[in-house]
Amino acid sequence: MANPNFPTLTKAPVSIIPIPEDAGLSTEMSDGYVVSRARFTRSRLTFSVNYTALSYADLEKIQDFYRDTIYGSAVVFDWICNDPNSKYYNQTFQARMTELGEPSFTQPYWWSVSFKVVQV
């Protein structure tokens, strides 16, 4: 069965910030030296996604997707990075959504919300 896709919204996010995971492991020895090695064979990315001028319909799409389709962070979905300034532009990632923030009413008829997308 294929992964669900993140819903298509009418506006692009204001910012998508990729944050690499620390793939290293280090231990401090009793004589002051630090021994380190790679813990993982790859460093996953976490994308901090921020929308500001969302219509209520788009906000509901995100919330319904989070609640009814992926059940919070339980189900993996396909997400496309649509930030044209990012080197990951148009790349599809299998991910989980975490930290869905509380939406805020920014101006009449517009909402803002942020969340994190963690690569699996």
Protein backbone atom coordinates (compact mmCIF):
# COMPACT_ATOMS: atom_id res chain seq x y z
CA MET A 1 0.00 0.00 0.00
CA ALA A 2 1.35 3.43 -0.94
CA ASN A 3 2.01 6.15 1.57
CA PRO A 4 -0.51 8.99 1.79
CA ASN A 5 0.57 12.32 0.28
CA PHE A 6 0.66 15.61 2.14
CA PRO A 7 -2.36 17.66 0.98
CA THR A 8 -2.00 20.28 -1.74
CA LEU A 9 -2.53 23.77 -0.34
CA THR A 10 -3.24 27.04 -2.14
CA LYS A 11 -0.18 28.81 -0.68
CA ALA A 12 3.40 27.76 -0.26
CA PRO A 13 4.99 27.84 3.19
CA VAL A 14 6.82 30.99 4.24
CA SER A 15 9.82 28.98 5.38
CA ILE A 16 11.11 25.44 5.26
CA ILE A 17 14.27 25.07 7.32
CA PRO A 18 16.20 21.77 7.05
CA ILE A 19 17.87 20.68 10.30
CA PRO A 20 20.29 17.72 10.05
CA GLU A 21 20.31 15.11 12.80
CA ASP A 22 23.51 14.62 14.78
CA ALA A 23 24.68 11.20 13.61
CA GLY A 24 27.68 11.11 15.93
CA LEU A 25 28.25 9.56 19.32
CA SER A 26 30.99 10.77 21.64
CA THR A 27 32.21 9.71 25.07
CA GLU A 28 34.49 11.67 27.36
CA MET A 29 37.22 9.54 28.88
CA SER A 30 38.61 9.92 32.41
CA ASP A 31 41.90 11.42 31.15
CA GLY A 32 40.10 14.23 29.28
CA TYR A 33 40.11 12.74 25.79
CA VAL A 34 36.92 12.41 23.80
CA VAL A 35 36.29 9.30 21.72
CA SER A 36 33.76 9.63 18.95
CA ARG A 37 32.29 7.59 16.14
CA ALA A 38 29.37 7.60 13.76
CA ARG A 39 26.22 6.29 15.44
CA PHE A 40 24.17 6.02 12.25
CA THR A 41 25.06 5.45 8.62
CA ARG A 42 23.03 8.51 7.57
CA SER A 43 21.87 11.77 9.04
CA ARG A 44 18.11 12.25 8.78
CA LEU A 45 16.64 15.67 8.16
CA THR A 46 13.99 17.47 10.16
CA PHE A 47 12.20 20.23 8.26
CA SER A 48 10.70 23.08 10.25
CA VAL A 49 7.72 24.22 8.14
CA ASN A 50 5.96 27.53 8.74
CA TYR A 51 2.80 28.76 7.01
CA THR A 52 1.49 32.27 7.65
CA ALA A 53 -1.26 33.30 5.24
CA LEU A 54 -3.41 30.16 5.22
CA SER A 55 -7.11 30.18 4.55
CA TYR A 56 -9.27 28.35 7.05
CA ALA A 57 -9.92 25.64 4.44
CA ASP A 58 -6.17 25.00 4.07
CA LEU A 59 -5.71 24.97 7.84
CA GLU A 60 -8.47 22.36 8.09
CA LYS A 61 -6.74 20.27 5.40
CA ILE A 62 -3.56 20.16 7.51
CA GLN A 63 -5.43 19.38 10.72
CA ASP A 64 -7.61 16.71 9.09
CA PHE A 65 -4.55 15.12 7.47
CA TYR A 66 -2.77 15.07 10.85
CA ARG A 67 -5.78 13.74 12.77
CA ASP A 68 -7.57 11.43 10.31
CA THR A 69 -4.95 10.29 7.79
CA ILE A 70 -1.60 9.97 9.56
CA TYR A 71 -2.92 9.75 13.14
CA GLY A 72 -0.38 12.18 14.54
CA SER A 73 3.09 10.79 14.03
CA ALA A 74 1.94 7.17 13.59
CA VAL A 75 1.83 6.88 9.79
CA VAL A 76 4.61 7.63 7.29
CA PHE A 77 3.60 9.91 4.40
CA ASP A 78 5.18 11.36 1.26
CA TRP A 79 6.12 15.02 1.55
CA ILE A 80 7.63 17.22 -1.19
CA CYS A 81 9.90 20.10 -0.22
CA ASN A 82 8.50 23.03 -2.18
CA ASP A 83 10.96 25.74 -1.13
CA PRO A 84 12.62 26.94 -4.37
CA ASN A 85 15.62 28.26 -2.40
CA SER A 86 16.39 24.89 -0.85
CA LYS A 87 18.75 22.32 -2.32
CA TYR A 88 16.00 19.77 -1.52
CA TYR A 89 13.49 21.55 -3.78
CA ASN A 90 11.03 19.13 -5.43
CA GLN A 91 12.52 16.13 -3.62
CA THR A 92 10.05 13.68 -2.12
CA PHE A 93 10.72 12.47 1.41
CA GLN A 94 9.08 9.71 3.38
CA ALA A 95 8.38 11.41 6.68
CA ARG A 96 6.40 11.73 9.87
CA MET A 97 4.80 14.94 11.08
CA THR A 98 5.61 16.04 14.60
CA GLU A 99 5.00 19.08 16.74
CA LEU A 100 1.91 20.42 15.00
CA GLY A 101 1.66 23.84 16.58
CA GLU A 102 -1.42 25.67 17.73
CA PRO A 103 -2.77 27.76 14.86
CA SER A 104 -2.96 31.50 15.35
CA PHE A 105 -5.30 34.00 13.78
CA THR A 106 -2.96 36.52 12.12
CA GLN A 107 -5.34 38.86 10.33
CA PRO A 108 -8.92 38.67 9.06
CA TYR A 109 -9.42 35.37 7.21
CA TRP A 110 -5.76 34.27 7.53
CA TRP A 111 -4.15 31.75 9.84
CA SER A 112 -0.60 30.69 10.63
CA VAL A 113 0.64 27.30 11.76
CA SER A 114 3.98 25.53 12.03
CA PHE A 115 5.02 21.91 12.30
CA LYS A 116 8.00 19.64 11.83
CA VAL A 117 8.45 16.96 9.18
CA VAL A 118 10.98 14.28 10.17
CA GLN A 119 12.55 12.09 7.50
CA VAL A 120 12.27 8.34 8.20
